[in-house]
């Protein structure tokens, strides 16, 4: 009965509520950065979640034996695209330097809350 379209069981309803809460928290945390950053951040998190869910399905239904390799390649590609973006902007060494995070106060205000929400 819980599998029918239009009817959610308790676990599905709870999953939707938790998901909505996580994305709402991300949206609120990055709100000072503007609408574009809010959309980009939520899209990025959504892409990571989709990758993980697809890998789970691939590993369970097809019995794919190397899901960690695919996940690692995905994270590596995100990292490389970030480096290419900053290189194209002419800010590679400035933006990819750990010192670019700024002061510890800035780190605890902007970076830590986002990392903790994930």
PDB file of N, CA and C in Angstrom:
ATOM      1  N   UNK A   1       0.805  -1.207   0.000  1.00  0.00           N
ATOM      2  CA  UNK A   1       0.000   0.000   0.000  1.00  0.00           C
ATOM      3  C   UNK A   1       0.845   1.267   0.000  1.00  0.00           C
ATOM      4  N   UNK A   2       1.971   1.283   0.709  1.00  0.00           N
ATOM      5  CA  UNK A   2       2.819   2.456   0.766  1.00  0.00           C
ATOM      6  C   UNK A   2       3.558   2.710  -0.535  1.00  0.00           C
ATOM      7  N   UNK A   3       3.566   1.741  -1.436  1.00  0.00           N
ATOM      8  CA  UNK A   3       4.282   1.856  -2.698  1.00  0.00           C
ATOM      9  C   UNK A   3       3.442   2.516  -3.791  1.00  0.00           C
ATOM     10  N   UNK A   4       2.153   2.669  -3.574  1.00  0.00           N
ATOM     11  CA  UNK A   4       1.279   3.237  -4.596  1.00  0.00           C
ATOM     12  C   UNK A   4       1.553   4.725  -4.772  1.00  0.00           C
ATOM     13  N   UNK A   5       1.354   5.175  -6.011  1.00  0.00           N
ATOM     14  CA  UNK A   5       1.548   6.585  -6.322  1.00  0.00           C
ATOM     15  C   UNK A   5       0.537   7.425  -5.544  1.00  0.00           C
ATOM     16  N   UNK A   6       1.015   8.457  -4.905  1.00  0.00           N
ATOM     17  CA  UNK A   6       0.133   9.348  -4.161  1.00  0.00           C
ATOM     18  C   UNK A   6       0.009   9.003  -2.692  1.00  0.00           C
ATOM     19  N   UNK A   7       0.522   7.853  -2.291  1.00  0.00           N
ATOM     20  CA  UNK A   7       0.456   7.438  -0.893  1.00  0.00           C
ATOM     21  C   UNK A   7       1.874   7.261  -0.368  1.00  0.00           C
ATOM     22  N   UNK A   8       2.168   7.977   0.680  1.00  0.00           N
ATOM     23  CA  UNK A   8       3.496   7.869   1.287  1.00  0.00           C
ATOM     24  C   UNK A   8       3.385   7.157   2.621  1.00  0.00           C
ATOM     25  N   UNK A   9       4.329   6.264   2.873  1.00  0.00           N
ATOM     26  CA  UNK A   9       4.364   5.671   4.201  1.00  0.00           C
ATOM     27  C   UNK A   9       5.156   6.596   5.113  1.00  0.00           C
ATOM     28  N   UNK A  10       5.247   6.257   6.375  1.00  0.00           N
ATOM     29  CA  UNK A  10       5.898   7.133   7.350  1.00  0.00           C
ATOM     30  C   UNK A  10       7.362   7.365   6.998  1.00  0.00           C
ATOM     31  N   UNK A  11       8.078   6.320   6.634  1.00  0.00           N
ATOM     32  CA  UNK A  11       9.512   6.453   6.325  1.00  0.00           C
ATOM     33  C   UNK A  11       9.732   7.380   5.136  1.00  0.00           C
ATOM     34  N   UNK A  12       8.888   7.275   4.118  1.00  0.00           N
ATOM     35  CA  UNK A  12       9.026   8.150   2.953  1.00  0.00           C
ATOM     36  C   UNK A  12       8.727   9.599   3.332  1.00  0.00           C
ATOM     37  N   UNK A  13       7.707   9.807   4.127  1.00  0.00           N
ATOM     38  CA  UNK A  13       7.375  11.159   4.583  1.00  0.00           C
ATOM     39  C   UNK A  13       8.488  11.757   5.424  1.00  0.00           C
ATOM     40  N   UNK A  14       9.074  10.932   6.282  1.00  0.00           N
ATOM     41  CA  UNK A  14      10.192  11.379   7.103  1.00  0.00           C
ATOM     42  C   UNK A  14      11.400  11.727   6.238  1.00  0.00           C
ATOM     43  N   UNK A  15      11.667  10.919   5.229  1.00  0.00           N
ATOM     44  CA  UNK A  15      12.792  11.181   4.323  1.00  0.00           C
ATOM     45  C   UNK A  15      12.593  12.505   3.592  1.00  0.00           C
ATOM     46  N   UNK A  16      11.384  12.771   3.150  1.00  0.00           N
ATOM     47  CA  UNK A  16      11.092  14.040   2.471  1.00  0.00           C
ATOM     48  C   UNK A  16      11.273  15.213   3.430  1.00  0.00           C
ATOM     49  N   UNK A  17      10.821  15.054   4.666  1.00  0.00           N
ATOM     50  CA  UNK A  17      10.963  16.124   5.659  1.00  0.00           C
ATOM     51  C   UNK A  17      12.434  16.400   5.982  1.00  0.00           C
ATOM     52  N   UNK A  18      13.210  15.354   6.150  1.00  0.00           N
ATOM     53  CA  UNK A  18      14.642  15.529   6.444  1.00  0.00           C
ATOM     54  C   UNK A  18      15.347  16.186   5.262  1.00  0.00           C
ATOM     55  N   UNK A  19      15.042  15.726   4.063  1.00  0.00           N
ATOM     56  CA  UNK A  19      15.643  16.307   2.856  1.00  0.00           C
ATOM     57  C   UNK A  19      15.291  17.784   2.734  1.00  0.00           C
ATOM     58  N   UNK A  20      14.034  18.102   2.931  1.00  0.00           N
ATOM     59  CA  UNK A  20      13.608  19.500   2.882  1.00  0.00           C
ATOM     60  C   UNK A  20      14.300  20.343   3.938  1.00  0.00           C
ATOM     61  N   UNK A  21      14.478  19.776   5.124  1.00  0.00           N
ATOM     62  CA  UNK A  21      15.164  20.498   6.201  1.00  0.00           C
ATOM     63  C   UNK A  21      16.628  20.762   5.862  1.00  0.00           C
ATOM     64  N   UNK A  22      17.300  19.776   5.280  1.00  0.00           N
ATOM     65  CA  UNK A  22      18.714  19.945   4.919  1.00  0.00           C
ATOM     66  C   UNK A  22      18.872  21.033   3.863  1.00  0.00           C
ATOM     67  N   UNK A  23      18.047  20.964   2.817  1.00  0.00           N
ATOM     68  CA  UNK A  23      18.160  21.971   1.767  1.00  0.00           C
ATOM     69  C   UNK A  23      17.730  23.350   2.260  1.00  0.00           C
ATOM     70  N   UNK A  24      16.764  23.400   3.168  1.00  0.00           N
ATOM     71  CA  UNK A  24      16.378  24.686   3.760  1.00  0.00           C
ATOM     72  C   UNK A  24      17.521  25.264   4.578  1.00  0.00           C
ATOM     73  N   UNK A  25      18.213  24.409   5.335  1.00  0.00           N
ATOM     74  CA  UNK A  25      19.348  24.875   6.139  1.00  0.00           C
ATOM     75  C   UNK A  25      20.454  25.412   5.238  1.00  0.00           C
ATOM     76  N   UNK A  26      20.745  24.703   4.156  1.00  0.00           N
ATOM     77  CA  UNK A  26      21.759  25.174   3.214  1.00  0.00           C
ATOM     78  C   UNK A  26      21.340  26.516   2.633  1.00  0.00           C
ATOM     79  N   UNK A  27      20.083  26.620   2.220  1.00  0.00           N
ATOM     80  CA  UNK A  27      19.550  27.845   1.627  1.00  0.00           C
ATOM     81  C   UNK A  27      19.694  29.026   2.583  1.00  0.00           C
ATOM     82  N   UNK A  28      19.380  28.789   3.860  1.00  0.00           N
ATOM     83  CA  UNK A  28      19.457  29.861   4.866  1.00  0.00           C
ATOM     84  C   UNK A  28      20.911  30.230   5.158  1.00  0.00           C
ATOM     85  N   UNK A  29      21.768  29.230   5.267  1.00  0.00           N
ATOM     86  CA  UNK A  29      23.172  29.482   5.607  1.00  0.00           C
ATOM     87  C   UNK A  29      23.865  30.326   4.537  1.00  0.00           C
ATOM     88  N   UNK A  30      23.584  30.049   3.258  1.00  0.00           N
ATOM     89  CA  UNK A  30      24.265  30.799   2.194  1.00  0.00           C
ATOM     90  C   UNK A  30      23.465  32.007   1.714  1.00  0.00           C
ATOM     91  N   UNK A  31      22.372  32.315   2.385  1.00  0.00           N
ATOM     92  CA  UNK A  31      21.534  33.454   2.002  1.00  0.00           C
ATOM     93  C   UNK A  31      22.297  34.768   1.883  1.00  0.00           C
ATOM     94  N   UNK A  32      23.241  35.075   2.782  1.00  0.00           N
ATOM     95  CA  UNK A  32      23.966  36.350   2.637  1.00  0.00           C
ATOM     96  C   UNK A  32      24.762  36.449   1.340  1.00  0.00           C
ATOM     97  N   UNK A  33      25.028  35.346   0.700  1.00  0.00           N
ATOM     98  CA  UNK A  33      25.820  35.336  -0.538  1.00  0.00           C
ATOM     99  C   UNK A  33      24.995  35.587  -1.789  1.00  0.00           C
ATOM    100  N   UNK A  34      23.681  35.583  -1.672  1.00  0.00           N
ATOM    101  CA  UNK A  34      22.834  35.893  -2.819  1.00  0.00           C
ATOM    102  C   UNK A  34      22.163  34.674  -3.433  1.00  0.00           C
ATOM    103  N   UNK A  35      21.208  34.964  -4.307  1.00  0.00           N
ATOM    104  CA  UNK A  35      20.371  33.934  -4.912  1.00  0.00           C
ATOM    105  C   UNK A  35      21.160  32.966  -5.802  1.00  0.00           C
ATOM    106  N   UNK A  36      22.116  33.476  -6.550  1.00  0.00           N
ATOM    107  CA  UNK A  36      22.898  32.613  -7.440  1.00  0.00           C
ATOM    108  C   UNK A  36      23.672  31.583  -6.626  1.00  0.00           C
ATOM    109  N   UNK A  37      24.281  32.015  -5.543  1.00  0.00           N
ATOM    110  CA  UNK A  37      25.041  31.095  -4.694  1.00  0.00           C
ATOM    111  C   UNK A  37      24.102  30.084  -4.038  1.00  0.00           C
ATOM    112  N   UNK A  38      22.921  30.511  -3.647  1.00  0.00           N
ATOM    113  CA  UNK A  38      21.958  29.589  -3.057  1.00  0.00           C
ATOM    114  C   UNK A  38      21.607  28.480  -4.050  1.00  0.00           C
ATOM    115  N   UNK A  39      21.283  28.857  -5.281  1.00  0.00           N
ATOM    116  CA  UNK A  39      20.946  27.858  -6.294  1.00  0.00           C
ATOM    117  C   UNK A  39      22.139  26.964  -6.618  1.00  0.00           C
ATOM    118  N   UNK A  40      23.308  27.554  -6.775  1.00  0.00           N
ATOM    119  CA  UNK A  40      24.508  26.768  -7.115  1.00  0.00           C
ATOM    120  C   UNK A  40      24.858  25.785  -6.002  1.00  0.00           C
ATOM    121  N   UNK A  41      24.766  26.231  -4.756  1.00  0.00           N
ATOM    122  CA  UNK A  41      25.095  25.360  -3.631  1.00  0.00           C
ATOM    123  C   UNK A  41      24.118  24.198  -3.535  1.00  0.00           C
ATOM    124  N   UNK A  42      22.832  24.491  -3.642  1.00  0.00           N
ATOM    125  CA  UNK A  42      21.837  23.412  -3.579  1.00  0.00           C
ATOM    126  C   UNK A  42      21.980  22.469  -4.769  1.00  0.00           C
ATOM    127  N   UNK A  43      22.283  23.001  -5.943  1.00  0.00           N
ATOM    128  CA  UNK A  43      22.495  22.152  -7.119  1.00  0.00           C
ATOM    129  C   UNK A  43      23.715  21.260  -6.936  1.00  0.00           C
ATOM    130  N   UNK A  44      24.778  21.808  -6.372  1.00  0.00           N
ATOM    131  CA  UNK A  44      25.985  21.032  -6.123  1.00  0.00           C
ATOM    132  C   UNK A  44      25.708  19.885  -5.150  1.00  0.00           C
ATOM    133  N   UNK A  45      25.024  20.186  -4.050  1.00  0.00           N
ATOM    134  CA  UNK A  45      24.689  19.152  -3.067  1.00  0.00           C
ATOM    135  C   UNK A  45      23.785  18.105  -3.706  1.00  0.00           C
ATOM    136  N   UNK A  46      22.821  18.554  -4.499  1.00  0.00           N
ATOM    137  CA  UNK A  46      21.931  17.620  -5.184  1.00  0.00           C
ATOM    138  C   UNK A  46      22.705  16.700  -6.126  1.00  0.00           C
ATOM    139  N   UNK A  47      23.683  17.242  -6.837  1.00  0.00           N
ATOM    140  CA  UNK A  47      24.476  16.404  -7.740  1.00  0.00           C
ATOM    141  C   UNK A  47      25.285  15.370  -6.963  1.00  0.00           C
ATOM    142  N   UNK A  48      25.820  15.750  -5.816  1.00  0.00           N
ATOM    143  CA  UNK A  48      26.563  14.797  -5.000  1.00  0.00           C
ATOM    144  C   UNK A  48      25.651  13.693  -4.471  1.00  0.00           C
ATOM    145  N   UNK A  49      24.476  14.072  -4.014  1.00  0.00           N
ATOM    146  CA  UNK A  49      23.529  13.082  -3.498  1.00  0.00           C
ATOM    147  C   UNK A  49      23.097  12.135  -4.614  1.00  0.00           C
ATOM    148  N   UNK A  50      22.800  12.684  -5.783  1.00  0.00           N
ATOM    149  CA  UNK A  50      22.404  11.837  -6.918  1.00  0.00           C
ATOM    150  C   UNK A  50      23.507  10.858  -7.288  1.00  0.00           C
ATOM    151  N   UNK A  51      24.741  11.320  -7.272  1.00  0.00           N
ATOM    152  CA  UNK A  51      25.868  10.431  -7.565  1.00  0.00           C
ATOM    153  C   UNK A  51      25.922   9.286  -6.564  1.00  0.00           C
ATOM    154  N   UNK A  52      25.757   9.610  -5.304  1.00  0.00           N
ATOM    155  CA  UNK A  52      25.817   8.564  -4.282  1.00  0.00           C
ATOM    156  C   UNK A  52      24.653   7.584  -4.411  1.00  0.00           C
ATOM    157  N   UNK A  53      23.453   8.091  -4.689  1.00  0.00           N
ATOM    158  CA  UNK A  53      22.295   7.198  -4.839  1.00  0.00           C
ATOM    159  C   UNK A  53      22.416   6.319  -6.079  1.00  0.00           C
ATOM    160  N   UNK A  54      22.922   6.893  -7.159  1.00  0.00           N
ATOM    161  CA  UNK A  54      23.135   6.087  -8.367  1.00  0.00           C
ATOM    162  C   UNK A  54      24.184   5.012  -8.130  1.00  0.00           C
ATOM    163  N   UNK A  55      25.216   5.340  -7.399  1.00  0.00           N
ATOM    164  CA  UNK A  55      26.246   4.347  -7.105  1.00  0.00           C
ATOM    165  C   UNK A  55      25.693   3.245  -6.200  1.00  0.00           C
ATOM    166  N   UNK A  56      24.838   3.614  -5.272  1.00  0.00           N
ATOM    167  CA  UNK A  56      24.224   2.608  -4.407  1.00  0.00           C
ATOM    168  C   UNK A  56      23.378   1.655  -5.235  1.00  0.00           C
ATOM    169  N   UNK A  57      22.605   2.213  -6.153  1.00  0.00           N
ATOM    170  CA  UNK A  57      21.769   1.375  -7.017  1.00  0.00           C
ATOM    171  C   UNK A  57      22.626   0.499  -7.922  1.00  0.00           C
ATOM    172  N   UNK A  58      23.656   1.060  -8.478  1.00  0.00           N
ATOM    173  CA  UNK A  58      24.550   0.297  -9.344  1.00  0.00           C
ATOM    174  C   UNK A  58      25.208  -0.849  -8.575  1.00  0.00           C
ATOM    175  N   UNK A  59      25.626  -0.572  -7.371  1.00  0.00           N
ATOM    176  CA  UNK A  59      26.291  -1.602  -6.566  1.00  0.00           C
ATOM    177  C   UNK A  59      25.324  -2.690  -6.115  1.00  0.00           C
ATOM    178  N   UNK A  60      24.066  -2.329  -5.848  1.00  0.00           N
ATOM    179  CA  UNK A  60      23.130  -3.333  -5.333  1.00  0.00           C
ATOM    180  C   UNK A  60      22.422  -4.118  -6.424  1.00  0.00           C
ATOM    181  N   UNK A  61      22.064  -3.479  -7.520  1.00  0.00           N
ATOM    182  CA  UNK A  61      21.286  -4.194  -8.540  1.00  0.00           C
ATOM    183  C   UNK A  61      22.158  -4.865  -9.600  1.00  0.00           C
ATOM    184  N   UNK A  62      23.233  -4.230  -9.996  1.00  0.00           N
ATOM    185  CA  UNK A  62      24.092  -4.773 -11.045  1.00  0.00           C
ATOM    186  C   UNK A  62      25.283  -5.517 -10.443  1.00  0.00           C
ATOM    187  N   UNK A  63      25.466  -5.358  -9.146  1.00  0.00           N
ATOM    188  CA  UNK A  63      26.603  -5.950  -8.442  1.00  0.00           C
ATOM    189  C   UNK A  63      27.934  -5.421  -8.965  1.00  0.00           C
ATOM    190  N   UNK A  64      27.947  -4.135  -9.292  1.00  0.00           N
ATOM    191  CA  UNK A  64      29.174  -3.474  -9.720  1.00  0.00           C
ATOM    192  C   UNK A  64      30.151  -3.509  -8.558  1.00  0.00           C
ATOM    193  N   UNK A  65      31.370  -3.959  -8.806  1.00  0.00           N
ATOM    194  CA  UNK A  65      32.311  -4.218  -7.724  1.00  0.00           C
ATOM    195  C   UNK A  65      33.214  -3.043  -7.386  1.00  0.00           C
ATOM    196  N   UNK A  66      33.153  -1.959  -8.138  1.00  0.00           N
ATOM    197  CA  UNK A  66      34.089  -0.859  -7.923  1.00  0.00           C
ATOM    198  C   UNK A  66      33.393   0.495  -7.758  1.00  0.00           C
ATOM    199  N   UNK A  67      32.394   0.608  -6.890  1.00  0.00           N
ATOM    200  CA  UNK A  67      31.708   1.898  -6.754  1.00  0.00           C
ATOM    201  C   UNK A  67      32.601   2.997  -6.194  1.00  0.00           C
ATOM    202  N   UNK A  68      33.559   2.636  -5.381  1.00  0.00           N
ATOM    203  CA  UNK A  68      34.441   3.657  -4.799  1.00  0.00           C
ATOM    204  C   UNK A  68      35.286   4.340  -5.872  1.00  0.00           C
ATOM    205  N   UNK A  69      35.638   3.604  -6.908  1.00  0.00           N
ATOM    206  CA  UNK A  69      36.422   4.200  -7.998  1.00  0.00           C
ATOM    207  C   UNK A  69      35.589   5.253  -8.727  1.00  0.00           C
ATOM    208  N   UNK A  70      34.340   4.925  -9.021  1.00  0.00           N
ATOM    209  CA  UNK A  70      33.477   5.881  -9.725  1.00  0.00           C
ATOM    210  C   UNK A  70      33.229   7.107  -8.859  1.00  0.00           C
ATOM    211  N   UNK A  71      32.968   6.905  -7.586  1.00  0.00           N
ATOM    212  CA  UNK A  71      32.746   8.030  -6.686  1.00  0.00           C
ATOM    213  C   UNK A  71      34.003   8.891  -6.574  1.00  0.00           C
ATOM    214  N   UNK A  72      35.149   8.251  -6.461  1.00  0.00           N
ATOM    215  CA  UNK A  72      36.404   9.002  -6.391  1.00  0.00           C
ATOM    216  C   UNK A  72      36.648   9.795  -7.669  1.00  0.00           C
ATOM    217  N   UNK A  73      36.353   9.193  -8.813  1.00  0.00           N
ATOM    218  CA  UNK A  73      36.510   9.906 -10.085  1.00  0.00           C
ATOM    219  C   UNK A  73      35.566  11.102 -10.166  1.00  0.00           C
ATOM    220  N   UNK A  74      34.370  10.957  -9.616  1.00  0.00           N
ATOM    221  CA  UNK A  74      33.422  12.071  -9.605  1.00  0.00           C
ATOM    222  C   UNK A  74      33.970  13.225  -8.765  1.00  0.00           C
ATOM    223  N   UNK A  75      34.444  12.921  -7.565  1.00  0.00           N
ATOM    224  CA  UNK A  75      34.989  13.974  -6.708  1.00  0.00           C
ATOM    225  C   UNK A  75      36.232  14.603  -7.337  1.00  0.00           C
ATOM    226  N   UNK A  76      37.063  13.780  -7.958  1.00  0.00           N
ATOM    227  CA  UNK A  76      38.255  14.299  -8.638  1.00  0.00           C
ATOM    228  C   UNK A  76      37.861  15.237  -9.783  1.00  0.00           C
ATOM    229  N   UNK A  77      36.825  14.856 -10.532  1.00  0.00           N
ATOM    230  CA  UNK A  77      36.399  15.712 -11.646  1.00  0.00           C
ATOM    231  C   UNK A  77      35.840  17.039 -11.149  1.00  0.00           C
ATOM    232  N   UNK A  78      35.112  17.028 -10.038  1.00  0.00           N
ATOM    233  CA  UNK A  78      34.607  18.281  -9.458  1.00  0.00           C
ATOM    234  C   UNK A  78      35.780  19.160  -9.040  1.00  0.00           C
ATOM    235  N   UNK A  79      36.778  18.567  -8.440  1.00  0.00           N
ATOM    236  CA  UNK A  79      37.963  19.300  -8.006  1.00  0.00           C
ATOM    237  C   UNK A  79      38.690  19.901  -9.208  1.00  0.00           C
ATOM    238  N   UNK A  80      38.857  19.101 -10.272  1.00  0.00           N
ATOM    239  CA  UNK A  80      39.541  19.596 -11.469  1.00  0.00           C
ATOM    240  C   UNK A  80      38.759  20.714 -12.162  1.00  0.00           C
ATOM    241  N   UNK A  81      37.442  20.567 -12.229  1.00  0.00           N
ATOM    242  CA  UNK A  81      36.621  21.616 -12.844  1.00  0.00           C
ATOM    243  C   UNK A  81      36.747  22.913 -12.043  1.00  0.00           C
ATOM    244  N   UNK A  82      36.793  22.793 -10.730  1.00  0.00           N
ATOM    245  CA  UNK A  82      36.979  23.987  -9.894  1.00  0.00           C
ATOM    246  C   UNK A  82      38.308  24.662 -10.197  1.00  0.00           C
ATOM    247  N   UNK A  83      39.364  23.872 -10.298  1.00  0.00           N
ATOM    248  CA  UNK A  83      40.673  24.428 -10.621  1.00  0.00           C
ATOM    249  C   UNK A  83      40.667  25.078 -12.003  1.00  0.00           C
ATOM    250  N   UNK A  84      40.026  24.432 -12.972  1.00  0.00           N
ATOM    251  CA  UNK A  84      39.961  24.997 -14.329  1.00  0.00           C
ATOM    252  C   UNK A  84      39.175  26.301 -14.340  1.00  0.00           C
ATOM    253  N   UNK A  85      38.090  26.351 -13.561  1.00  0.00           N
ATOM    254  CA  UNK A  85      37.300  27.575 -13.488  1.00  0.00           C
ATOM    255  C   UNK A  85      38.145  28.728 -12.953  1.00  0.00           C
ATOM    256  N   UNK A  86      38.844  28.479 -11.825  1.00  0.00           N
ATOM    257  CA  UNK A  86      39.646  29.551 -11.242  1.00  0.00           C
ATOM    258  C   UNK A  86      40.832  29.896 -12.121  1.00  0.00           C
ATOM    259  N   UNK A  87      41.364  28.932 -12.857  1.00  0.00           N
ATOM    260  CA  UNK A  87      42.455  29.231 -13.797  1.00  0.00           C
ATOM    261  C   UNK A  87      41.940  30.129 -14.915  1.00  0.00           C
ATOM    262  N   UNK A  88      40.741  29.843 -15.419  1.00  0.00           N
ATOM    263  CA  UNK A  88      40.154  30.658 -16.482  1.00  0.00           C
ATOM    264  C   UNK A  88      39.859  32.075 -15.996  1.00  0.00           C
ATOM    265  N   UNK A  89      39.567  32.201 -14.716  1.00  0.00           N
ATOM    266  CA  UNK A  89      39.300  33.517 -14.132  1.00  0.00           C
ATOM    267  C   UNK A  89      40.598  34.258 -13.794  1.00  0.00           C
ATOM    268  N   UNK A  90      41.728  33.559 -13.934  1.00  0.00           N
ATOM    269  CA  UNK A  90      43.015  34.172 -13.608  1.00  0.00           C
ATOM    270  C   UNK A  90      43.289  34.255 -12.120  1.00  0.00           C
ATOM    271  N   UNK A  91      42.588  33.454 -11.334  1.00  0.00           N
ATOM    272  CA  UNK A  91      42.742  33.514  -9.881  1.00  0.00           C
ATOM    273  C   UNK A  91      43.098  32.157  -9.284  1.00  0.00           C
ATOM    274  N   UNK A  92      43.713  31.299 -10.064  1.00  0.00           N
ATOM    275  CA  UNK A  92      43.992  29.939  -9.616  1.00  0.00           C
ATOM    276  C   UNK A  92      44.766  29.905  -8.311  1.00  0.00           C
ATOM    277  N   UNK A  93      45.893  30.593  -8.255  1.00  0.00           N
ATOM    278  CA  UNK A  93      46.734  30.501  -7.067  1.00  0.00           C
ATOM    279  C   UNK A  93      46.171  31.283  -5.893  1.00  0.00           C
ATOM    280  N   UNK A  94      45.353  32.267  -6.181  1.00  0.00           N
ATOM    281  CA  UNK A  94      44.740  33.021  -5.092  1.00  0.00           C
ATOM    282  C   UNK A  94      43.599  32.218  -4.468  1.00  0.00           C
ATOM    283  N   UNK A  95      42.711  31.665  -5.303  1.00  0.00           N
ATOM    284  CA  UNK A  95      41.515  30.982  -4.801  1.00  0.00           C
ATOM    285  C   UNK A  95      41.779  29.565  -4.296  1.00  0.00           C
ATOM    286  N   UNK A  96      42.783  28.898  -4.823  1.00  0.00           N
ATOM    287  CA  UNK A  96      43.054  27.513  -4.442  1.00  0.00           C
ATOM    288  C   UNK A  96      44.101  27.398  -3.344  1.00  0.00           C
ATOM    289  N   UNK A  97      44.467  28.505  -2.787  1.00  0.00           N
ATOM    290  CA  UNK A  97      45.407  28.550  -1.672  1.00  0.00           C
ATOM    291  C   UNK A  97      44.601  28.479  -0.376  1.00  0.00           C
ATOM    292  N   UNK A  98      44.952  27.581   0.557  1.00  0.00           N
ATOM    293  CA  UNK A  98      44.204  27.518   1.818  1.00  0.00           C
ATOM    294  C   UNK A  98      44.104  28.860   2.539  1.00  0.00           C
ATOM    295  N   UNK A  99      45.078  29.725   2.333  1.00  0.00           N
ATOM    296  CA  UNK A  99      45.030  31.046   2.975  1.00  0.00           C
ATOM    297  C   UNK A  99      43.896  31.901   2.409  1.00  0.00           C
ATOM    298  N   UNK A 100      43.331  31.500   1.261  1.00  0.00           N
ATOM    299  CA  UNK A 100      42.244  32.275   0.664  1.00  0.00           C
ATOM    300  C   UNK A 100      40.971  32.219   1.501  1.00  0.00           C
ATOM    301  N   UNK A 101      40.917  31.303   2.469  1.00  0.00           N
ATOM    302  CA  UNK A 101      39.754  31.238   3.352  1.00  0.00           C
ATOM    303  C   UNK A 101      39.677  32.447   4.269  1.00  0.00           C
ATOM    304  N   UNK A 102      40.804  33.109   4.448  1.00  0.00           N
ATOM    305  CA  UNK A 102      40.812  34.305   5.288  1.00  0.00           C
ATOM    306  C   UNK A 102      41.045  33.969   6.741  1.00  0.00           C
ATOM    307  N   UNK A 103      40.493  34.791   7.592  1.00  0.00           N
ATOM    308  CA  UNK A 103      40.712  34.647   9.029  1.00  0.00           C
ATOM    309  C   UNK A 103      39.941  33.449   9.580  1.00  0.00           C
ATOM    310  N   UNK A 104      40.306  33.039  10.779  1.00  0.00           N
ATOM    311  CA  UNK A 104      39.589  31.931  11.420  1.00  0.00           C
ATOM    312  C   UNK A 104      38.150  32.349  11.733  1.00  0.00           C
ATOM    313  N   UNK A 105      37.942  33.628  12.021  1.00  0.00           N
ATOM    314  CA  UNK A 105      36.576  34.121  12.270  1.00  0.00           C
ATOM    315  C   UNK A 105      35.719  33.940  11.027  1.00  0.00           C
ATOM    316  N   UNK A 106      36.271  34.283   9.880  1.00  0.00           N
ATOM    317  CA  UNK A 106      35.556  34.108   8.612  1.00  0.00           C
ATOM    318  C   UNK A 106      35.284  32.624   8.352  1.00  0.00           C
ATOM    319  N   UNK A 107      36.280  31.778   8.653  1.00  0.00           N
ATOM    320  CA  UNK A 107      36.115  30.338   8.475  1.00  0.00           C
ATOM    321  C   UNK A 107      34.957  29.824   9.310  1.00  0.00           C
ATOM    322  N   UNK A 108      34.914  30.204  10.595  1.00  0.00           N
ATOM    323  CA  UNK A 108      33.864  29.727  11.485  1.00  0.00           C
ATOM    324  C   UNK A 108      32.503  30.330  11.159  1.00  0.00           C
ATOM    325  N   UNK A 109      32.490  31.473  10.480  1.00  0.00           N
ATOM    326  CA  UNK A 109      31.228  32.112  10.119  1.00  0.00           C
ATOM    327  C   UNK A 109      30.661  31.572   8.818  1.00  0.00           C
ATOM    328  N   UNK A 110      31.500  31.356   7.813  1.00  0.00           N
ATOM    329  CA  UNK A 110      31.003  30.993   6.485  1.00  0.00           C
ATOM    330  C   UNK A 110      31.235  29.534   6.096  1.00  0.00           C
ATOM    331  N   UNK A 111      32.397  28.977   6.387  1.00  0.00           N
ATOM    332  CA  UNK A 111      32.726  27.638   5.907  1.00  0.00           C
ATOM    333  C   UNK A 111      32.183  26.560   6.823  1.00  0.00           C
ATOM    334  N   UNK A 112      32.437  26.666   8.111  1.00  0.00           N
ATOM    335  CA  UNK A 112      32.038  25.635   9.059  1.00  0.00           C
ATOM    336  C   UNK A 112      30.526  25.374   9.086  1.00  0.00           C
ATOM    337  N   UNK A 113      29.657  26.395   9.106  1.00  0.00           N
ATOM    338  CA  UNK A 113      28.227  26.095   9.109  1.00  0.00           C
ATOM    339  C   UNK A 113      27.764  25.315   7.876  1.00  0.00           C
ATOM    340  N   UNK A 114      28.334  25.634   6.719  1.00  0.00           N
ATOM    341  CA  UNK A 114      27.949  24.910   5.512  1.00  0.00           C
ATOM    342  C   UNK A 114      28.443  23.476   5.587  1.00  0.00           C
ATOM    343  N   UNK A 115      29.685  23.289   6.010  1.00  0.00           N
ATOM    344  CA  UNK A 115      30.238  21.939   6.131  1.00  0.00           C
ATOM    345  C   UNK A 115      29.451  21.126   7.167  1.00  0.00           C
ATOM    346  N   UNK A 116      29.065  21.738   8.252  1.00  0.00           N
ATOM    347  CA  UNK A 116      28.316  21.036   9.295  1.00  0.00           C
ATOM    348  C   UNK A 116      26.921  20.650   8.834  1.00  0.00           C
ATOM    349  N   UNK A 117      26.332  21.443   7.942  1.00  0.00           N
ATOM    350  CA  UNK A 117      24.985  21.130   7.467  1.00  0.00           C
ATOM    351  C   UNK A 117      24.980  19.944   6.511  1.00  0.00           C
ATOM    352  N   UNK A 118      26.129  19.614   5.942  1.00  0.00           N
ATOM    353  CA  UNK A 118      26.198  18.505   5.017  1.00  0.00           C
ATOM    354  C   UNK A 118      26.450  17.233   5.779  1.00  0.00           C
TER     355      UNK A 118
END
